[in-house]
PDB file of all heavy atoms in Angstrom:
ATOM      1  N   LYS A   1     -15.383   6.247  12.135  1.00  0.00           N
ATOM      2  CA  LYS A   1     -14.590   5.020  12.096  1.00  0.00           C
ATOM      3  C   LYS A   1     -13.116   5.334  12.314  1.00  0.00           C
ATOM      4  O   LYS A   1     -12.665   6.458  12.094  1.00  0.00           O
ATOM      5  CB  LYS A   1     -14.777   4.303  10.772  1.00  0.00           C
ATOM      6  CG  LYS A   1     -16.157   3.691  10.581  1.00  0.00           C
ATOM      7  CD  LYS A   1     -16.181   2.765   9.371  1.00  0.00           C
ATOM      8  CE  LYS A   1     -17.515   2.067   9.241  1.00  0.00           C
ATOM      9  NZ  LYS A   1     -17.538   1.131   8.082  1.00  0.00           N
ATOM     10  N   GLU A   2     -12.380   4.328  12.722  1.00  0.00           N
ATOM     11  CA  GLU A   2     -10.952   4.501  12.925  1.00  0.00           C
ATOM     12  C   GLU A   2     -10.234   4.575  11.574  1.00  0.00           C
ATOM     13  O   GLU A   2     -10.691   4.024  10.576  1.00  0.00           O
ATOM     14  CB  GLU A   2     -10.392   3.333  13.743  1.00  0.00           C
ATOM     15  CG  GLU A   2     -10.865   3.309  15.179  1.00  0.00           C
ATOM     16  CD  GLU A   2     -10.166   2.236  16.003  1.00  0.00           C
ATOM     17  OE1 GLU A   2      -9.416   1.437  15.413  1.00  0.00           O
ATOM     18  OE2 GLU A   2     -10.368   2.206  17.224  1.00  0.00           O
ATOM     19  N   ARG A   3      -9.105   5.261  11.599  1.00  0.00           N
ATOM     20  CA  ARG A   3      -8.273   5.321  10.406  1.00  0.00           C
ATOM     21  C   ARG A   3      -7.734   3.917  10.130  1.00  0.00           C
ATOM     22  O   ARG A   3      -7.313   3.205  11.055  1.00  0.00           O
ATOM     23  CB  ARG A   3      -7.127   6.308  10.630  1.00  0.00           C
ATOM     24  CG  ARG A   3      -6.387   6.715   9.385  1.00  0.00           C
ATOM     25  CD  ARG A   3      -5.473   7.896   9.671  1.00  0.00           C
ATOM     26  NE  ARG A   3      -6.244   9.088  10.043  1.00  0.00           N
ATOM     27  CZ  ARG A   3      -5.697  10.291  10.226  1.00  0.00           C
ATOM     28  NH1 ARG A   3      -4.390  10.448  10.059  1.00  0.00           N
ATOM     29  NH2 ARG A   3      -6.452  11.309  10.586  1.00  0.00           N
ATOM     30  N   GLU A   4      -7.740   3.528   8.856  1.00  0.00           N
ATOM     31  CA  GLU A   4      -7.275   2.191   8.505  1.00  0.00           C
ATOM     32  C   GLU A   4      -6.172   2.244   7.452  1.00  0.00           C
ATOM     33  O   GLU A   4      -6.118   3.172   6.629  1.00  0.00           O
ATOM     34  CB  GLU A   4      -8.437   1.341   7.967  1.00  0.00           C
ATOM     35  CG  GLU A   4      -9.024   1.825   6.669  1.00  0.00           C
ATOM     36  CD  GLU A   4     -10.053   0.865   6.087  1.00  0.00           C
ATOM     37  OE1 GLU A   4     -10.269  -0.215   6.653  1.00  0.00           O
ATOM     38  OE2 GLU A   4     -10.624   1.206   5.034  1.00  0.00           O
ATOM     39  N   GLY A   5      -5.311   1.252   7.499  1.00  0.00           N
ATOM     40  CA  GLY A   5      -4.250   1.152   6.510  1.00  0.00           C
ATOM     41  C   GLY A   5      -4.776   0.675   5.179  1.00  0.00           C
ATOM     42  O   GLY A   5      -5.548  -0.284   5.129  1.00  0.00           O
ATOM     43  N   VAL A   6      -4.387   1.338   4.117  1.00  0.00           N
ATOM     44  CA  VAL A   6      -4.764   0.954   2.761  1.00  0.00           C
ATOM     45  C   VAL A   6      -3.614   0.222   2.073  1.00  0.00           C
ATOM     46  O   VAL A   6      -3.780  -0.857   1.534  1.00  0.00           O
ATOM     47  CB  VAL A   6      -5.156   2.195   1.936  1.00  0.00           C
ATOM     48  CG1 VAL A   6      -5.448   1.818   0.485  1.00  0.00           C
ATOM     49  CG2 VAL A   6      -6.363   2.886   2.555  1.00  0.00           C
ATOM     50  N   SER A   7      -2.446   0.841   2.135  1.00  0.00           N
ATOM     51  CA  SER A   7      -1.285   0.248   1.484  1.00  0.00           C
ATOM     52  C   SER A   7      -0.025   0.887   2.027  1.00  0.00           C
ATOM     53  O   SER A   7      -0.026   2.078   2.365  1.00  0.00           O
ATOM     54  CB  SER A   7      -1.362   0.470  -0.036  1.00  0.00           C
ATOM     55  OG  SER A   7      -0.260  -0.120  -0.694  1.00  0.00           O
ATOM     56  N   CYS A   8       1.043   0.103   2.113  1.00  0.00           N
ATOM     57  CA  CYS A   8       2.326   0.616   2.582  1.00  0.00           C
ATOM     58  C   CYS A   8       3.452   0.132   1.681  1.00  0.00           C
ATOM     59  O   CYS A   8       3.318  -0.903   1.007  1.00  0.00           O
ATOM     60  CB  CYS A   8       2.572   0.188   4.023  1.00  0.00           C
ATOM     61  SG  CYS A   8       1.481   1.023   5.203  1.00  0.00           S
ATOM     62  N   ILE A   9       4.545   0.885   1.687  1.00  0.00           N
ATOM     63  CA  ILE A   9       5.674   0.562   0.817  1.00  0.00           C
ATOM     64  C   ILE A   9       6.981   0.814   1.553  1.00  0.00           C
ATOM     65  O   ILE A   9       7.102   1.774   2.321  1.00  0.00           O
ATOM     66  CB  ILE A   9       5.587   1.394  -0.495  1.00  0.00           C
ATOM     67  CG1 ILE A   9       6.637   0.954  -1.513  1.00  0.00           C
ATOM     68  CG2 ILE A   9       5.687   2.890  -0.211  1.00  0.00           C
ATOM     69  CD1 ILE A   9       6.394   1.536  -2.916  1.00  0.00           C
ATOM     70  N   SER A  10       7.938  -0.061   1.323  1.00  0.00           N
ATOM     71  CA  SER A  10       9.228   0.063   1.989  1.00  0.00           C
ATOM     72  C   SER A  10      10.046   1.199   1.393  1.00  0.00           C
ATOM     73  O   SER A  10       9.702   1.756   0.341  1.00  0.00           O
ATOM     74  CB  SER A  10       9.998  -1.253   1.856  1.00  0.00           C
ATOM     75  OG  SER A  10      10.230  -1.545   0.480  1.00  0.00           O
ATOM     76  N   ARG A  11      11.143   1.513   2.042  1.00  0.00           N
ATOM     77  CA  ARG A  11      12.026   2.578   1.551  1.00  0.00           C
ATOM     78  C   ARG A  11      12.502   2.304   0.133  1.00  0.00           C
ATOM     79  O   ARG A  11      12.563   3.197  -0.705  1.00  0.00           O
ATOM     80  CB  ARG A  11      13.253   2.694   2.464  1.00  0.00           C
ATOM     81  CG  ARG A  11      13.053   3.483   3.724  1.00  0.00           C
ATOM     82  CD  ARG A  11      14.343   3.553   4.521  1.00  0.00           C
ATOM     83  NE  ARG A  11      15.454   4.101   3.729  1.00  0.00           N
ATOM     84  CZ  ARG A  11      16.724   4.042   4.113  1.00  0.00           C
ATOM     85  NH1 ARG A  11      17.049   3.442   5.261  1.00  0.00           N
ATOM     86  NH2 ARG A  11      17.676   4.560   3.369  1.00  0.00           N
ATOM     87  N   SER A  12      12.850   1.059  -0.110  1.00  0.00           N
ATOM     88  CA  SER A  12      13.388   0.701  -1.426  1.00  0.00           C
ATOM     89  C   SER A  12      12.305   0.568  -2.486  1.00  0.00           C
ATOM     90  O   SER A  12      12.605   0.551  -3.676  1.00  0.00           O
ATOM     91  CB  SER A  12      14.155  -0.616  -1.324  1.00  0.00           C
ATOM     92  OG  SER A  12      13.269  -1.665  -0.984  1.00  0.00           O
ATOM     93  N   GLY A  13      11.059   0.420  -2.038  1.00  0.00           N
ATOM     94  CA  GLY A  13       9.966   0.175  -2.974  1.00  0.00           C
ATOM     95  C   GLY A  13       9.827  -1.292  -3.341  1.00  0.00           C
ATOM     96  O   GLY A  13       8.923  -1.650  -4.099  1.00  0.00           O
ATOM     97  N   SER A  14      10.682  -2.142  -2.795  1.00  0.00           N
ATOM     98  CA  SER A  14      10.671  -3.552  -3.174  1.00  0.00           C
ATOM     99  C   SER A  14       9.558  -4.334  -2.495  1.00  0.00           C
ATOM    100  O   SER A  14       9.156  -5.392  -2.977  1.00  0.00           O
ATOM    101  CB  SER A  14      12.020  -4.194  -2.836  1.00  0.00           C
ATOM    102  OG  SER A  14      12.276  -4.104  -1.439  1.00  0.00           O
ATOM    103  N   ASN A  15       9.079  -3.834  -1.368  1.00  0.00           N
ATOM    104  CA  ASN A  15       8.008  -4.514  -0.630  1.00  0.00           C
ATOM    105  C   ASN A  15       6.810  -3.604  -0.470  1.00  0.00           C
ATOM    106  O   ASN A  15       6.953  -2.412  -0.139  1.00  0.00           O
ATOM    107  CB  ASN A  15       8.504  -4.953   0.746  1.00  0.00           C
ATOM    108  CG  ASN A  15       9.434  -6.145   0.655  1.00  0.00           C
ATOM    109  OD1 ASN A  15       9.313  -6.972  -0.228  1.00  0.00           O
ATOM    110  ND2 ASN A  15      10.365  -6.211   1.581  1.00  0.00           N
ATOM    111  N   THR A  16       5.644  -4.189  -0.718  1.00  0.00           N
ATOM    112  CA  THR A  16       4.392  -3.462  -0.542  1.00  0.00           C
ATOM    113  C   THR A  16       3.374  -4.384   0.116  1.00  0.00           C
ATOM    114  O   THR A  16       3.508  -5.615   0.074  1.00  0.00           O
ATOM    115  CB  THR A  16       3.822  -2.992  -1.898  1.00  0.00           C
ATOM    116  OG1 THR A  16       3.589  -4.139  -2.732  1.00  0.00           O
ATOM    117  CG2 THR A  16       4.773  -2.045  -2.608  1.00  0.00           C
ATOM    118  N   ASN A  17       2.373  -3.789   0.733  1.00  0.00           N
ATOM    119  CA  ASN A  17       1.234  -4.587   1.165  1.00  0.00           C
ATOM    120  C   ASN A  17      -0.042  -3.790   0.973  1.00  0.00           C
ATOM    121  O   ASN A  17      -0.008  -2.558   0.817  1.00  0.00           O
ATOM    122  CB  ASN A  17       1.392  -5.109   2.589  1.00  0.00           C
ATOM    123  CG  ASN A  17       1.435  -4.037   3.639  1.00  0.00           C
ATOM    124  OD1 ASN A  17       1.229  -2.865   3.363  1.00  0.00           O
ATOM    125  ND2 ASN A  17       1.689  -4.428   4.880  1.00  0.00           N
ATOM    126  N   TYR A  18      -1.142  -4.506   0.960  1.00  0.00           N
ATOM    127  CA  TYR A  18      -2.433  -3.892   0.677  1.00  0.00           C
ATOM    128  C   TYR A  18      -3.494  -4.474   1.598  1.00  0.00           C
ATOM    129  O   TYR A  18      -3.465  -5.660   1.934  1.00  0.00           O
ATOM    130  CB  TYR A  18      -2.852  -4.167  -0.777  1.00  0.00           C
ATOM    131  CG  TYR A  18      -1.938  -3.555  -1.803  1.00  0.00           C
ATOM    132  CD1 TYR A  18      -0.849  -4.251  -2.293  1.00  0.00           C
ATOM    133  CD2 TYR A  18      -2.168  -2.266  -2.276  1.00  0.00           C
ATOM    134  CE1 TYR A  18       0.003  -3.685  -3.229  1.00  0.00           C
ATOM    135  CE2 TYR A  18      -1.327  -1.692  -3.217  1.00  0.00           C
ATOM    136  CZ  TYR A  18      -0.239  -2.405  -3.684  1.00  0.00           C
ATOM    137  OH  TYR A  18       0.598  -1.834  -4.611  1.00  0.00           O
ATOM    138  N   ALA A  19      -4.449  -3.647   1.965  1.00  0.00           N
ATOM    139  CA  ALA A  19      -5.632  -4.143   2.653  1.00  0.00           C
ATOM    140  C   ALA A  19      -6.380  -5.078   1.702  1.00  0.00           C
ATOM    141  O   ALA A  19      -6.390  -4.861   0.480  1.00  0.00           O
ATOM    142  CB  ALA A  19      -6.528  -2.980   3.063  1.00  0.00           C
ATOM    143  N   ASP A  20      -7.004  -6.100   2.260  1.00  0.00           N
ATOM    144  CA  ASP A  20      -7.730  -7.063   1.425  1.00  0.00           C
ATOM    145  C   ASP A  20      -8.775  -6.373   0.554  1.00  0.00           C
ATOM    146  O   ASP A  20      -9.022  -6.788  -0.577  1.00  0.00           O
ATOM    147  CB  ASP A  20      -8.406  -8.116   2.305  1.00  0.00           C
ATOM    148  CG  ASP A  20      -7.413  -9.091   2.920  1.00  0.00           C
ATOM    149  OD1 ASP A  20      -6.261  -9.166   2.430  1.00  0.00           O
ATOM    150  OD2 ASP A  20      -7.786  -9.770   3.888  1.00  0.00           O
ATOM    151  N   SER A  21      -9.363  -5.314   1.075  1.00  0.00           N
ATOM    152  CA  SER A  21     -10.452  -4.646   0.365  1.00  0.00           C
ATOM    153  C   SER A  21      -9.993  -3.921  -0.898  1.00  0.00           C
ATOM    154  O   SER A  21     -10.829  -3.580  -1.740  1.00  0.00           O
ATOM    155  CB  SER A  21     -11.148  -3.646   1.295  1.00  0.00           C
ATOM    156  OG  SER A  21     -10.222  -2.693   1.784  1.00  0.00           O
ATOM    157  N   VAL A  22      -8.682  -3.691  -1.041  1.00  0.00           N
ATOM    158  CA  VAL A  22      -8.206  -2.945  -2.211  1.00  0.00           C
ATOM    159  C   VAL A  22      -7.243  -3.737  -3.086  1.00  0.00           C
ATOM    160  O   VAL A  22      -6.815  -3.253  -4.134  1.00  0.00           O
ATOM    161  CB  VAL A  22      -7.526  -1.616  -1.787  1.00  0.00           C
ATOM    162  CG1 VAL A  22      -8.447  -0.804  -0.886  1.00  0.00           C
ATOM    163  CG2 VAL A  22      -6.185  -1.864  -1.105  1.00  0.00           C
ATOM    164  N   LYS A  23      -6.937  -4.955  -2.668  1.00  0.00           N
ATOM    165  CA  LYS A  23      -5.997  -5.775  -3.448  1.00  0.00           C
ATOM    166  C   LYS A  23      -6.503  -5.976  -4.868  1.00  0.00           C
ATOM    167  O   LYS A  23      -7.673  -6.267  -5.081  1.00  0.00           O
ATOM    168  CB  LYS A  23      -5.796  -7.134  -2.771  1.00  0.00           C
ATOM    169  CG  LYS A  23      -4.825  -7.114  -1.637  1.00  0.00           C
ATOM    170  CD  LYS A  23      -4.674  -8.494  -1.014  1.00  0.00           C
ATOM    171  CE  LYS A  23      -3.742  -8.454   0.172  1.00  0.00           C
ATOM    172  NZ  LYS A  23      -3.660  -9.779   0.869  1.00  0.00           N
ATOM    173  N   GLY A  24      -5.593  -5.813  -5.818  1.00  0.00           N
ATOM    174  CA  GLY A  24      -5.956  -5.976  -7.212  1.00  0.00           C
ATOM    175  C   GLY A  24      -6.546  -4.737  -7.851  1.00  0.00           C
ATOM    176  O   GLY A  24      -6.720  -4.685  -9.076  1.00  0.00           O
ATOM    177  N   ARG A  25      -6.856  -3.729  -7.035  1.00  0.00           N
ATOM    178  CA  ARG A  25      -7.451  -2.493  -7.562  1.00  0.00           C
ATOM    179  C   ARG A  25      -6.544  -1.285  -7.348  1.00  0.00           C
ATOM    180  O   ARG A  25      -6.525  -0.372  -8.169  1.00  0.00           O
ATOM    181  CB  ARG A  25      -8.799  -2.232  -6.891  1.00  0.00           C
ATOM    182  CG  ARG A  25      -9.818  -3.327  -7.101  1.00  0.00           C
ATOM    183  CD  ARG A  25     -11.194  -2.929  -6.582  1.00  0.00           C
ATOM    184  NE  ARG A  25     -11.215  -2.687  -5.157  1.00  0.00           N
ATOM    185  CZ  ARG A  25     -11.576  -1.518  -4.595  1.00  0.00           C
ATOM    186  NH1 ARG A  25     -11.956  -0.515  -5.352  1.00  0.00           N
ATOM    187  NH2 ARG A  25     -11.580  -1.395  -3.279  1.00  0.00           N
ATOM    188  N   PHE A  26      -5.825  -1.257  -6.237  1.00  0.00           N
ATOM    189  CA  PHE A  26      -4.965  -0.131  -5.890  1.00  0.00           C
ATOM    190  C   PHE A  26      -3.501  -0.528  -6.059  1.00  0.00           C
ATOM    191  O   PHE A  26      -3.122  -1.676  -5.823  1.00  0.00           O
ATOM    192  CB  PHE A  26      -5.186   0.305  -4.449  1.00  0.00           C
ATOM    193  CG  PHE A  26      -6.510   0.956  -4.163  1.00  0.00           C
ATOM    194  CD1 PHE A  26      -7.551   0.954  -5.075  1.00  0.00           C
ATOM    195  CD2 PHE A  26      -6.710   1.602  -2.946  1.00  0.00           C
ATOM    196  CE1 PHE A  26      -8.766   1.552  -4.809  1.00  0.00           C
ATOM    197  CE2 PHE A  26      -7.917   2.208  -2.647  1.00  0.00           C
ATOM    198  CZ  PHE A  26      -8.944   2.180  -3.576  1.00  0.00           C
ATOM    199  N   THR A  27      -2.681   0.452  -6.418  1.00  0.00           N
ATOM    200  CA  THR A  27      -1.245   0.235  -6.541  1.00  0.00           C
ATOM    201  C   THR A  27      -0.498   1.401  -5.894  1.00  0.00           C
ATOM    202  O   THR A  27      -0.732   2.563  -6.251  1.00  0.00           O
ATOM    203  CB  THR A  27      -0.810   0.127  -7.997  1.00  0.00           C
ATOM    204  OG1 THR A  27      -1.521  -0.937  -8.636  1.00  0.00           O
ATOM    205  CG2 THR A  27       0.692  -0.175  -8.087  1.00  0.00           C
ATOM    206  N   ILE A  28       0.372   1.066  -4.956  1.00  0.00           N
ATOM    207  CA  ILE A  28       1.201   2.078  -4.310  1.00  0.00           C
ATOM    208  C   ILE A  28       2.555   2.132  -5.017  1.00  0.00           C
ATOM    209  O   ILE A  28       3.070   1.101  -5.481  1.00  0.00           O
ATOM    210  CB  ILE A  28       1.376   1.779  -2.809  1.00  0.00           C
ATOM    211  CG1 ILE A  28       2.011   2.960  -2.085  1.00  0.00           C
ATOM    212  CG2 ILE A  28       2.158   0.488  -2.596  1.00  0.00           C
ATOM    213  CD1 ILE A  28       2.011   2.802  -0.547  1.00  0.00           C
ATOM    214  N   SER A  29       3.113   3.309  -5.107  1.00  0.00           N
ATOM    215  CA  SER A  29       4.445   3.448  -5.699  1.00  0.00           C
ATOM    216  C   SER A  29       5.114   4.688  -5.117  1.00  0.00           C
ATOM    217  O   SER A  29       4.470   5.480  -4.429  1.00  0.00           O
ATOM    218  CB  SER A  29       4.367   3.547  -7.225  1.00  0.00           C
ATOM    219  OG  SER A  29       3.634   4.680  -7.634  1.00  0.00           O
ATOM    220  N   ARG A  30       6.383   4.821  -5.416  1.00  0.00           N
ATOM    221  CA  ARG A  30       7.119   5.989  -4.941  1.00  0.00           C
ATOM    222  C   ARG A  30       8.170   6.374  -5.959  1.00  0.00           C
ATOM    223  O   ARG A  30       8.697   5.519  -6.686  1.00  0.00           O
ATOM    224  CB  ARG A  30       7.767   5.710  -3.579  1.00  0.00           C
ATOM    225  CG  ARG A  30       8.779   4.580  -3.580  1.00  0.00           C
ATOM    226  CD  ARG A  30       9.189   4.207  -2.163  1.00  0.00           C
ATOM    227  NE  ARG A  30       9.838   5.325  -1.492  1.00  0.00           N
ATOM    228  CZ  ARG A  30       9.947   5.444  -0.168  1.00  0.00           C
ATOM    229  NH1 ARG A  30       9.446   4.511   0.622  1.00  0.00           N
ATOM    230  NH2 ARG A  30      10.570   6.467   0.365  1.00  0.00           N
ATOM    231  N   ASP A  31       8.451   7.659  -6.013  1.00  0.00           N
ATOM    232  CA  ASP A  31       9.512   8.183  -6.862  1.00  0.00           C
ATOM    233  C   ASP A  31      10.385   9.040  -5.965  1.00  0.00           C
ATOM    234  O   ASP A  31      10.071  10.214  -5.712  1.00  0.00           O
ATOM    235  CB  ASP A  31       8.920   9.000  -8.013  1.00  0.00           C
ATOM    236  CG  ASP A  31       9.974   9.463  -9.015  1.00  0.00           C
ATOM    237  OD1 ASP A  31      11.165   9.516  -8.644  1.00  0.00           O
ATOM    238  OD2 ASP A  31       9.602   9.780 -10.150  1.00  0.00           O
ATOM    239  N   ASN A  32      11.434   8.441  -5.453  1.00  0.00           N
ATOM    240  CA  ASN A  32      12.265   9.163  -4.488  1.00  0.00           C
ATOM    241  C   ASN A  32      12.934  10.379  -5.127  1.00  0.00           C
ATOM    242  O   ASN A  32      13.195  11.373  -4.437  1.00  0.00           O
ATOM    243  CB  ASN A  32      13.311   8.222  -3.901  1.00  0.00           C
ATOM    244  CG  ASN A  32      12.712   7.207  -2.941  1.00  0.00           C
ATOM    245  OD1 ASN A  32      11.578   7.369  -2.472  1.00  0.00           O
ATOM    246  ND2 ASN A  32      13.446   6.148  -2.662  1.00  0.00           N
TER     247      ASN A  32
END
């Protein structure tokens, strides 16, 4: 299968998005 996006986060961490299949279960974060 093709590689798929799970979740992405902006540089500031203020914006995130999630694939429908993982919404509510996965959380992306960053510690610069």
